[in-house]
All heavy atoms as atom14 arrays in JSON, in Angstrom:
{
  "sequence": "LNQEQDITVVLVEHRLDLTAKYANHLVVMDKGKICCEGHPKDILF",
  "atom14_mask": [
    [1, 1, 1, 1, 1, 1, 1, 1, 0, 0, 0, 0, 0, 0],
    [1, 1, 1, 1, 1, 1, 1, 1, 0, 0, 0, 0, 0, 0],
    [1, 1, 1, 1, 1, 1, 1, 1, 1, 0, 0, 0, 0, 0],
    [1, 1, 1, 1, 1, 1, 1, 1, 1, 0, 0, 0, 0, 0],
    [1, 1, 1, 1, 1, 1, 1, 1, 1, 0, 0, 0, 0, 0],
    [1, 1, 1, 1, 1, 1, 1, 1, 0, 0, 0, 0, 0, 0],
    [1, 1, 1, 1, 1, 1, 1, 1, 0, 0, 0, 0, 0, 0],
    [1, 1, 1, 1, 1, 1, 1, 0, 0, 0, 0, 0, 0, 0],
    [1, 1, 1, 1, 1, 1, 1, 0, 0, 0, 0, 0, 0, 0],
    [1, 1, 1, 1, 1, 1, 1, 0, 0, 0, 0, 0, 0, 0],
    [1, 1, 1, 1, 1, 1, 1, 1, 0, 0, 0, 0, 0, 0],
    [1, 1, 1, 1, 1, 1, 1, 0, 0, 0, 0, 0, 0, 0],
    [1, 1, 1, 1, 1, 1, 1, 1, 1, 0, 0, 0, 0, 0],
    [1, 1, 1, 1, 1, 1, 1, 1, 1, 1, 0, 0, 0, 0],
    [1, 1, 1, 1, 1, 1, 1, 1, 1, 1, 1, 0, 0, 0],
    [1, 1, 1, 1, 1, 1, 1, 1, 0, 0, 0, 0, 0, 0],
    [1, 1, 1, 1, 1, 1, 1, 1, 0, 0, 0, 0, 0, 0],
    [1, 1, 1, 1, 1, 1, 1, 1, 0, 0, 0, 0, 0, 0],
    [1, 1, 1, 1, 1, 1, 1, 0, 0, 0, 0, 0, 0, 0],
    [1, 1, 1, 1, 1, 0, 0, 0, 0, 0, 0, 0, 0, 0],
    [1, 1, 1, 1, 1, 1, 1, 1, 1, 0, 0, 0, 0, 0],
    [1, 1, 1, 1, 1, 1, 1, 1, 1, 1, 1, 1, 0, 0],
    [1, 1, 1, 1, 1, 0, 0, 0, 0, 0, 0, 0, 0, 0],
    [1, 1, 1, 1, 1, 1, 1, 1, 0, 0, 0, 0, 0, 0],
    [1, 1, 1, 1, 1, 1, 1, 1, 1, 1, 0, 0, 0, 0],
    [1, 1, 1, 1, 1, 1, 1, 1, 0, 0, 0, 0, 0, 0],
    [1, 1, 1, 1, 1, 1, 1, 0, 0, 0, 0, 0, 0, 0],
    [1, 1, 1, 1, 1, 1, 1, 0, 0, 0, 0, 0, 0, 0],
    [1, 1, 1, 1, 1, 1, 1, 1, 0, 0, 0, 0, 0, 0],
    [1, 1, 1, 1, 1, 1, 1, 1, 0, 0, 0, 0, 0, 0],
    [1, 1, 1, 1, 1, 1, 1, 1, 1, 0, 0, 0, 0, 0],
    [1, 1, 1, 1, 0, 0, 0, 0, 0, 0, 0, 0, 0, 0],
    [1, 1, 1, 1, 1, 1, 1, 1, 1, 0, 0, 0, 0, 0],
    [1, 1, 1, 1, 1, 1, 1, 1, 0, 0, 0, 0, 0, 0],
    [1, 1, 1, 1, 1, 1, 0, 0, 0, 0, 0, 0, 0, 0],
    [1, 1, 1, 1, 1, 1, 0, 0, 0, 0, 0, 0, 0, 0],
    [1, 1, 1, 1, 1, 1, 1, 1, 1, 0, 0, 0, 0, 0],
    [1, 1, 1, 1, 0, 0, 0, 0, 0, 0, 0, 0, 0, 0],
    [1, 1, 1, 1, 1, 1, 1, 1, 1, 1, 0, 0, 0, 0],
    [1, 1, 1, 1, 1, 1, 1, 0, 0, 0, 0, 0, 0, 0],
    [1, 1, 1, 1, 1, 1, 1, 1, 1, 0, 0, 0, 0, 0],
    [1, 1, 1, 1, 1, 1, 1, 1, 0, 0, 0, 0, 0, 0],
    [1, 1, 1, 1, 1, 1, 1, 1, 0, 0, 0, 0, 0, 0],
    [1, 1, 1, 1, 1, 1, 1, 1, 0, 0, 0, 0, 0, 0],
    [1, 1, 1, 1, 1, 1, 1, 1, 1, 1, 1, 0, 0, 0]
  ],
  "atom14_positions": [
    [[-71.2, 123.03, 53.97], [-72.6, 123.3, 54.03], [-73.0, 124.44, 53.16], [-74.19, 124.27, 52.46], [-72.99, 123.59, 55.5], [-72.95, 122.43, 56.51], [-73.05, 122.98, 57.92], [-74.03, 121.39, 56.26], [0.0, 0.0, 0.0], [0.0, 0.0, 0.0], [0.0, 0.0, 0.0], [0.0, 0.0, 0.0], [0.0, 0.0, 0.0], [0.0, 0.0, 0.0]],
    [[-72.31, 125.47, 53.08], [-72.79, 126.53, 52.14], [-72.69, 126.16, 50.72], [-73.62, 126.5, 50.03], [-71.65, 127.72, 52.43], [-71.64, 128.82, 51.36], [-70.83, 128.87, 50.54], [-72.68, 129.58, 51.5], [0.0, 0.0, 0.0], [0.0, 0.0, 0.0], [0.0, 0.0, 0.0], [0.0, 0.0, 0.0], [0.0, 0.0, 0.0], [0.0, 0.0, 0.0]],
    [[-71.7, 125.4, 50.35], [-71.57, 124.96, 48.93], [-72.58, 123.87, 48.53], [-73.22, 123.92, 47.53], [-70.12, 124.55, 48.66], [-69.07, 125.61, 48.75], [-69.32, 126.6, 47.69], [-69.2, 126.44, 46.45], [-69.58, 127.89, 48.07], [0.0, 0.0, 0.0], [0.0, 0.0, 0.0], [0.0, 0.0, 0.0], [0.0, 0.0, 0.0], [0.0, 0.0, 0.0]],
    [[-72.76, 122.9, 49.44], [-73.54, 121.75, 49.01], [-75.04, 121.93, 49.38], [-75.82, 121.19, 48.63], [-73.0, 120.45, 49.67], [-71.6, 120.11, 49.27], [-71.13, 118.76, 49.97], [-71.81, 118.29, 50.76], [-70.02, 118.45, 49.54], [0.0, 0.0, 0.0], [0.0, 0.0, 0.0], [0.0, 0.0, 0.0], [0.0, 0.0, 0.0], [0.0, 0.0, 0.0]],
    [[-75.33, 122.62, 50.36], [-76.75, 122.78, 50.69], [-77.29, 124.15, 50.57], [-78.44, 124.47, 51.0], [-76.96, 122.31, 52.26], [-76.53, 120.91, 52.38], [-77.0, 120.36, 53.77], [-77.95, 120.79, 54.33], [-76.26, 119.39, 54.26], [0.0, 0.0, 0.0], [0.0, 0.0, 0.0], [0.0, 0.0, 0.0], [0.0, 0.0, 0.0], [0.0, 0.0, 0.0]],
    [[-76.45, 125.14, 50.04], [-76.9, 126.41, 49.72], [-77.32, 127.23, 50.92], [-78.23, 128.14, 50.89], [-78.07, 126.42, 48.68], [-78.07, 127.75, 47.88], [-76.99, 128.43, 47.7], [-79.24, 128.17, 47.49], [0.0, 0.0, 0.0], [0.0, 0.0, 0.0], [0.0, 0.0, 0.0], [0.0, 0.0, 0.0], [0.0, 0.0, 0.0], [0.0, 0.0, 0.0]],
    [[-76.76, 126.86, 52.11], [-77.03, 127.64, 53.32], [-76.31, 128.82, 53.3], [-75.04, 129.01, 53.02], [-76.69, 126.82, 54.55], [-77.61, 125.52, 54.68], [-76.68, 127.59, 55.86], [-77.17, 124.58, 55.83], [0.0, 0.0, 0.0], [0.0, 0.0, 0.0], [0.0, 0.0, 0.0], [0.0, 0.0, 0.0], [0.0, 0.0, 0.0], [0.0, 0.0, 0.0]],
    [[-76.98, 129.99, 53.63], [-76.34, 131.3, 53.73], [-75.59, 131.37, 54.98], [-76.04, 131.04, 56.12], [-77.28, 132.43, 53.58], [-78.09, 132.26, 52.43], [-76.68, 133.79, 53.6], [0.0, 0.0, 0.0], [0.0, 0.0, 0.0], [0.0, 0.0, 0.0], [0.0, 0.0, 0.0], [0.0, 0.0, 0.0], [0.0, 0.0, 0.0], [0.0, 0.0, 0.0]],
    [[-74.25, 131.79, 54.94], [-73.41, 131.87, 56.05], [-72.98, 133.33, 56.35], [-72.54, 134.05, 55.4], [-72.12, 130.9, 55.9], [-71.19, 131.16, 57.04], [-72.5, 129.45, 55.79], [0.0, 0.0, 0.0], [0.0, 0.0, 0.0], [0.0, 0.0, 0.0], [0.0, 0.0, 0.0], [0.0, 0.0, 0.0], [0.0, 0.0, 0.0], [0.0, 0.0, 0.0]],
    [[-73.15, 133.73, 57.48], [-72.58, 135.07, 57.94], [-71.62, 134.77, 59.08], [-72.04, 134.28, 60.16], [-73.74, 136.02, 58.43], [-73.14, 137.34, 58.83], [-74.82, 136.14, 57.26], [0.0, 0.0, 0.0], [0.0, 0.0, 0.0], [0.0, 0.0, 0.0], [0.0, 0.0, 0.0], [0.0, 0.0, 0.0], [0.0, 0.0, 0.0], [0.0, 0.0, 0.0]],
    [[-70.33, 135.18, 58.83], [-69.36, 134.8, 59.7], [-68.59, 136.07, 60.2], [-68.08, 136.83, 59.4], [-68.28, 133.82, 59.07], [-67.03, 133.56, 59.85], [-67.3, 132.77, 61.14], [-66.0, 132.71, 59.01], [0.0, 0.0, 0.0], [0.0, 0.0, 0.0], [0.0, 0.0, 0.0], [0.0, 0.0, 0.0], [0.0, 0.0, 0.0], [0.0, 0.0, 0.0]],
    [[-68.54, 136.26, 61.49], [-67.78, 137.38, 62.14], [-66.49, 136.82, 62.53], [-66.46, 135.81, 63.37], [-68.5, 138.04, 63.28], [-67.62, 139.05, 63.98], [-69.8, 138.78, 62.79], [0.0, 0.0, 0.0], [0.0, 0.0, 0.0], [0.0, 0.0, 0.0], [0.0, 0.0, 0.0], [0.0, 0.0, 0.0], [0.0, 0.0, 0.0], [0.0, 0.0, 0.0]],
    [[-65.33, 137.38, 62.03], [-64.03, 136.75, 62.36], [-62.95, 137.79, 62.12], [-63.02, 138.5, 61.25], [-63.88, 135.5, 61.48], [-62.58, 134.73, 61.77], [-62.43, 134.2, 63.13], [-63.31, 133.36, 63.62], [-61.54, 134.68, 63.88], [0.0, 0.0, 0.0], [0.0, 0.0, 0.0], [0.0, 0.0, 0.0], [0.0, 0.0, 0.0], [0.0, 0.0, 0.0]],
    [[-62.0, 137.7, 63.02], [-60.83, 138.65, 62.89], [-59.71, 137.89, 62.05], [-58.9, 138.57, 61.32], [-60.23, 138.99, 64.27], [-61.01, 139.93, 65.07], [-61.19, 141.2, 64.79], [-61.74, 139.74, 66.22], [-61.99, 141.86, 65.56], [-62.29, 140.94, 66.53], [0.0, 0.0, 0.0], [0.0, 0.0, 0.0], [0.0, 0.0, 0.0], [0.0, 0.0, 0.0]],
    [[-59.69, 136.6, 62.23], [-58.51, 135.81, 61.58], [-58.81, 135.56, 60.08], [-59.25, 134.55, 59.69], [-58.41, 134.49, 62.33], [-58.07, 134.61, 63.83], [-57.62, 133.37, 64.41], [-58.89, 132.47, 64.76], [-58.78, 131.3, 65.31], [-57.65, 130.87, 65.81], [-59.91, 130.68, 65.6], [0.0, 0.0, 0.0], [0.0, 0.0, 0.0], [0.0, 0.0, 0.0]],
    [[-58.54, 136.64, 59.3], [-58.8, 136.66, 57.91], [-57.81, 135.56, 57.13], [-58.12, 135.12, 56.07], [-58.69, 137.95, 57.27], [-59.54, 138.99, 57.86], [-59.65, 140.24, 56.91], [-61.04, 138.51, 57.92], [0.0, 0.0, 0.0], [0.0, 0.0, 0.0], [0.0, 0.0, 0.0], [0.0, 0.0, 0.0], [0.0, 0.0, 0.0], [0.0, 0.0, 0.0]],
    [[-56.66, 135.26, 57.8], [-55.75, 134.28, 57.19], [-56.45, 132.98, 57.0], [-56.17, 132.21, 56.12], [-54.58, 134.16, 58.11], [-53.42, 135.12, 57.8], [-52.95, 135.17, 56.7], [-53.05, 135.85, 58.73], [0.0, 0.0, 0.0], [0.0, 0.0, 0.0], [0.0, 0.0, 0.0], [0.0, 0.0, 0.0], [0.0, 0.0, 0.0], [0.0, 0.0, 0.0]],
    [[-57.38, 132.69, 57.98], [-58.03, 131.36, 57.99], [-59.38, 131.42, 57.16], [-59.84, 130.37, 56.68], [-58.42, 131.03, 59.43], [-57.22, 130.52, 60.31], [-57.72, 130.15, 61.67], [-56.37, 129.37, 59.74], [0.0, 0.0, 0.0], [0.0, 0.0, 0.0], [0.0, 0.0, 0.0], [0.0, 0.0, 0.0], [0.0, 0.0, 0.0], [0.0, 0.0, 0.0]],
    [[-59.98, 132.55, 57.11], [-61.37, 132.63, 56.71], [-61.58, 133.31, 55.3], [-62.58, 133.11, 54.64], [-62.25, 133.37, 57.71], [-61.72, 134.62, 57.96], [-62.27, 132.51, 58.94], [0.0, 0.0, 0.0], [0.0, 0.0, 0.0], [0.0, 0.0, 0.0], [0.0, 0.0, 0.0], [0.0, 0.0, 0.0], [0.0, 0.0, 0.0], [0.0, 0.0, 0.0]],
    [[-60.74, 134.25, 54.82], [-61.04, 135.09, 53.66], [-61.28, 134.18, 52.44], [-61.98, 134.52, 51.58], [-59.9, 136.08, 53.45], [0.0, 0.0, 0.0], [0.0, 0.0, 0.0], [0.0, 0.0, 0.0], [0.0, 0.0, 0.0], [0.0, 0.0, 0.0], [0.0, 0.0, 0.0], [0.0, 0.0, 0.0], [0.0, 0.0, 0.0], [0.0, 0.0, 0.0]],
    [[-60.5, 133.07, 52.32], [-60.54, 132.15, 51.17], [-61.93, 131.53, 50.9], [-62.28, 131.24, 49.83], [-59.51, 131.15, 51.23], [-59.68, 130.2, 52.38], [-58.58, 129.22, 52.47], [-58.59, 128.32, 53.66], [-57.44, 127.33, 53.77], [0.0, 0.0, 0.0], [0.0, 0.0, 0.0], [0.0, 0.0, 0.0], [0.0, 0.0, 0.0], [0.0, 0.0, 0.0]],
    [[-62.74, 131.56, 52.0], [-64.02, 130.91, 51.91], [-65.13, 131.89, 51.49], [-66.2, 131.45, 50.92], [-64.53, 130.23, 53.2], [-63.58, 129.19, 53.82], [-62.84, 129.43, 54.91], [-63.42, 127.98, 53.15], [-61.96, 128.53, 55.46], [-62.58, 127.0, 53.61], [-61.83, 127.26, 54.82], [-60.97, 126.31, 55.24], [0.0, 0.0, 0.0], [0.0, 0.0, 0.0]],
    [[-64.93, 133.18, 51.68], [-66.01, 134.16, 51.59], [-66.07, 134.58, 50.11], [-65.06, 134.73, 49.43], [-65.78, 135.38, 52.44], [0.0, 0.0, 0.0], [0.0, 0.0, 0.0], [0.0, 0.0, 0.0], [0.0, 0.0, 0.0], [0.0, 0.0, 0.0], [0.0, 0.0, 0.0], [0.0, 0.0, 0.0], [0.0, 0.0, 0.0], [0.0, 0.0, 0.0]],
    [[-67.3, 134.89, 49.65], [-67.56, 135.58, 48.41], [-67.98, 137.05, 48.55], [-68.15, 137.75, 47.66], [-68.5, 134.86, 47.48], [-69.96, 134.95, 48.01], [-70.16, 134.74, 49.27], [-70.84, 135.27, 47.22], [0.0, 0.0, 0.0], [0.0, 0.0, 0.0], [0.0, 0.0, 0.0], [0.0, 0.0, 0.0], [0.0, 0.0, 0.0], [0.0, 0.0, 0.0]],
    [[-68.2, 137.41, 49.87], [-68.65, 138.73, 50.24], [-68.03, 139.12, 51.48], [-68.26, 138.56, 52.54], [-70.2, 138.74, 50.31], [-70.77, 140.07, 50.52], [-72.26, 140.31, 50.5], [-70.31, 141.28, 50.64], [-72.44, 141.54, 50.67], [-71.35, 142.2, 50.73], [0.0, 0.0, 0.0], [0.0, 0.0, 0.0], [0.0, 0.0, 0.0], [0.0, 0.0, 0.0]],
    [[-67.24, 140.19, 51.46], [-66.5, 140.73, 52.62], [-67.12, 142.09, 53.05], [-67.21, 143.0, 52.21], [-64.97, 140.91, 52.4], [-64.19, 141.42, 53.52], [-64.17, 140.66, 54.76], [-62.72, 141.73, 53.01], [0.0, 0.0, 0.0], [0.0, 0.0, 0.0], [0.0, 0.0, 0.0], [0.0, 0.0, 0.0], [0.0, 0.0, 0.0], [0.0, 0.0, 0.0]],
    [[-67.47, 142.21, 54.32], [-68.09, 143.48, 54.92], [-67.07, 143.92, 55.95], [-66.79, 143.19, 56.84], [-69.5, 143.2, 55.5], [-69.97, 144.56, 56.14], [-70.38, 142.76, 54.35], [0.0, 0.0, 0.0], [0.0, 0.0, 0.0], [0.0, 0.0, 0.0], [0.0, 0.0, 0.0], [0.0, 0.0, 0.0], [0.0, 0.0, 0.0], [0.0, 0.0, 0.0]],
    [[-66.53, 145.13, 55.83], [-65.62, 145.75, 56.69], [-66.39, 146.9, 57.48], [-66.88, 147.88, 56.78], [-64.41, 146.3, 56.06], [-63.38, 146.92, 57.23], [-63.61, 145.16, 55.3], [0.0, 0.0, 0.0], [0.0, 0.0, 0.0], [0.0, 0.0, 0.0], [0.0, 0.0, 0.0], [0.0, 0.0, 0.0], [0.0, 0.0, 0.0], [0.0, 0.0, 0.0]],
    [[-66.45, 146.79, 58.81], [-67.19, 147.7, 59.63], [-66.24, 148.54, 60.52], [-65.12, 148.12, 60.87], [-68.26, 147.0, 60.58], [-69.35, 146.37, 59.8], [-70.51, 145.63, 61.0], [-71.11, 147.07, 61.95], [0.0, 0.0, 0.0], [0.0, 0.0, 0.0], [0.0, 0.0, 0.0], [0.0, 0.0, 0.0], [0.0, 0.0, 0.0], [0.0, 0.0, 0.0]],
    [[-66.66, 149.77, 60.77], [-65.91, 150.59, 61.79], [-66.84, 151.66, 62.31], [-67.67, 152.27, 61.53], [-64.71, 151.28, 61.02], [-63.85, 152.0, 62.03], [-63.75, 151.57, 63.21], [-63.23, 153.01, 61.58], [0.0, 0.0, 0.0], [0.0, 0.0, 0.0], [0.0, 0.0, 0.0], [0.0, 0.0, 0.0], [0.0, 0.0, 0.0], [0.0, 0.0, 0.0]],
    [[-66.93, 151.79, 63.58], [-67.74, 152.8, 64.31], [-69.22, 152.69, 63.84], [-69.95, 153.67, 63.6], [-67.22, 154.19, 64.0], [-65.82, 154.45, 64.49], [-65.3, 155.83, 64.14], [-63.89, 156.0, 64.6], [-63.38, 157.26, 64.22], [0.0, 0.0, 0.0], [0.0, 0.0, 0.0], [0.0, 0.0, 0.0], [0.0, 0.0, 0.0], [0.0, 0.0, 0.0]],
    [[-69.74, 151.39, 63.83], [-71.16, 151.2, 63.57], [-71.53, 151.32, 62.03], [-72.78, 151.23, 61.81], [0.0, 0.0, 0.0], [0.0, 0.0, 0.0], [0.0, 0.0, 0.0], [0.0, 0.0, 0.0], [0.0, 0.0, 0.0], [0.0, 0.0, 0.0], [0.0, 0.0, 0.0], [0.0, 0.0, 0.0], [0.0, 0.0, 0.0], [0.0, 0.0, 0.0]],
    [[-70.6, 151.54, 61.2], [-70.93, 151.72, 59.8], [-70.19, 150.75, 58.9], [-69.14, 150.06, 59.39], [-70.53, 153.08, 59.32], [-71.24, 154.19, 60.06], [-70.66, 155.6, 59.56], [-71.33, 156.78, 60.39], [-72.69, 156.96, 60.1], [0.0, 0.0, 0.0], [0.0, 0.0, 0.0], [0.0, 0.0, 0.0], [0.0, 0.0, 0.0], [0.0, 0.0, 0.0]],
    [[-70.55, 150.5, 57.76], [-69.83, 149.78, 56.74], [-68.86, 150.63, 56.03], [-69.33, 151.6, 55.37], [-70.76, 148.97, 55.75], [-71.6, 147.98, 56.54], [-70.03, 148.37, 54.6], [-72.68, 147.35, 55.62], [0.0, 0.0, 0.0], [0.0, 0.0, 0.0], [0.0, 0.0, 0.0], [0.0, 0.0, 0.0], [0.0, 0.0, 0.0], [0.0, 0.0, 0.0]],
    [[-67.55, 150.38, 56.07], [-66.61, 151.12, 55.46], [-66.49, 150.73, 53.99], [-66.34, 151.63, 53.14], [-65.15, 150.91, 56.06], [-65.07, 151.32, 57.8], [0.0, 0.0, 0.0], [0.0, 0.0, 0.0], [0.0, 0.0, 0.0], [0.0, 0.0, 0.0], [0.0, 0.0, 0.0], [0.0, 0.0, 0.0], [0.0, 0.0, 0.0], [0.0, 0.0, 0.0]],
    [[-66.52, 149.42, 53.74], [-66.43, 148.94, 52.34], [-66.97, 147.5, 52.39], [-66.93, 146.83, 53.4], [-65.09, 149.06, 51.74], [-63.72, 148.27, 52.74], [0.0, 0.0, 0.0], [0.0, 0.0, 0.0], [0.0, 0.0, 0.0], [0.0, 0.0, 0.0], [0.0, 0.0, 0.0], [0.0, 0.0, 0.0], [0.0, 0.0, 0.0], [0.0, 0.0, 0.0]],
    [[-67.44, 147.06, 51.25], [-67.82, 145.73, 50.99], [-67.67, 145.28, 49.6], [-67.65, 146.13, 48.66], [-69.31, 145.54, 51.49], [-70.29, 146.3, 50.64], [-71.72, 145.91, 51.03], [-72.05, 144.76, 50.98], [-72.53, 146.89, 51.15], [0.0, 0.0, 0.0], [0.0, 0.0, 0.0], [0.0, 0.0, 0.0], [0.0, 0.0, 0.0], [0.0, 0.0, 0.0]],
    [[-67.49, 143.97, 49.39], [-67.34, 143.47, 48.03], [-66.65, 142.11, 48.07], [-66.56, 141.5, 49.18], [0.0, 0.0, 0.0], [0.0, 0.0, 0.0], [0.0, 0.0, 0.0], [0.0, 0.0, 0.0], [0.0, 0.0, 0.0], [0.0, 0.0, 0.0], [0.0, 0.0, 0.0], [0.0, 0.0, 0.0], [0.0, 0.0, 0.0], [0.0, 0.0, 0.0]],
    [[-66.02, 141.65, 47.0], [-65.33, 140.3, 47.1], [-63.99, 140.57, 47.85], [-63.28, 141.56, 47.65], [-65.01, 139.96, 45.69], [-64.51, 138.49, 45.56], [-63.24, 138.11, 45.83], [-65.24, 137.41, 45.27], [-63.24, 136.73, 45.69], [-64.34, 136.24, 45.39], [0.0, 0.0, 0.0], [0.0, 0.0, 0.0], [0.0, 0.0, 0.0], [0.0, 0.0, 0.0]],
    [[-63.58, 139.53, 48.58], [-62.39, 139.73, 49.41], [-61.15, 140.16, 48.6], [-60.28, 140.95, 49.01], [-62.14, 138.41, 50.03], [-63.47, 137.87, 50.16], [-64.3, 138.33, 48.94], [0.0, 0.0, 0.0], [0.0, 0.0, 0.0], [0.0, 0.0, 0.0], [0.0, 0.0, 0.0], [0.0, 0.0, 0.0], [0.0, 0.0, 0.0], [0.0, 0.0, 0.0]],
    [[-61.02, 139.61, 47.41], [-59.81, 139.99, 46.57], [-59.74, 141.48, 46.24], [-58.72, 141.95, 46.03], [-59.85, 139.0, 45.25], [-59.4, 137.56, 45.61], [-59.37, 136.83, 44.26], [-59.03, 135.43, 44.52], [-57.65, 135.2, 44.88], [0.0, 0.0, 0.0], [0.0, 0.0, 0.0], [0.0, 0.0, 0.0], [0.0, 0.0, 0.0], [0.0, 0.0, 0.0]],
    [[-60.92, 142.05, 46.08], [-60.96, 143.46, 45.74], [-60.75, 144.36, 47.03], [-60.01, 145.36, 46.9], [-62.34, 143.87, 45.11], [-62.56, 143.06, 43.85], [-61.6, 142.88, 43.01], [-63.76, 142.73, 43.56], [0.0, 0.0, 0.0], [0.0, 0.0, 0.0], [0.0, 0.0, 0.0], [0.0, 0.0, 0.0], [0.0, 0.0, 0.0], [0.0, 0.0, 0.0]],
    [[-61.42, 143.95, 48.18], [-61.37, 144.76, 49.29], [-60.09, 144.7, 50.09], [-59.55, 145.68, 50.49], [-62.5, 144.37, 50.28], [-63.87, 144.42, 49.57], [-62.45, 145.2, 51.52], [-64.19, 145.8, 49.1], [0.0, 0.0, 0.0], [0.0, 0.0, 0.0], [0.0, 0.0, 0.0], [0.0, 0.0, 0.0], [0.0, 0.0, 0.0], [0.0, 0.0, 0.0]],
    [[-59.43, 143.57, 50.17], [-58.2, 143.43, 50.96], [-56.91, 143.91, 50.35], [-55.87, 144.14, 51.0], [-57.96, 141.95, 51.32], [-59.1, 141.24, 52.23], [-58.79, 139.74, 52.42], [-59.07, 141.95, 53.67], [0.0, 0.0, 0.0], [0.0, 0.0, 0.0], [0.0, 0.0, 0.0], [0.0, 0.0, 0.0], [0.0, 0.0, 0.0], [0.0, 0.0, 0.0]],
    [[-57.08, 144.37, 49.11], [-55.99, 144.94, 48.4], [-55.92, 146.56, 48.64], [-54.98, 147.17, 48.28], [-55.98, 144.61, 46.98], [-54.65, 144.78, 46.21], [-53.55, 144.02, 46.67], [-54.4, 145.68, 45.22], [-52.31, 144.12, 46.02], [-53.21, 145.77, 44.66], [-52.11, 145.01, 45.08], [0.0, 0.0, 0.0], [0.0, 0.0, 0.0], [0.0, 0.0, 0.0]]
  ]
}
């Protein structure tokens, strides 16, 4: 749906093994703040 209909998707998920490959924007939160954000390939390393 995101790719074919240009629907913006915001997904909250712990299981990054299943979901990281779909995202083009990863947001990592801690204590009510954003610790870091960017492309998953940059952030998860």
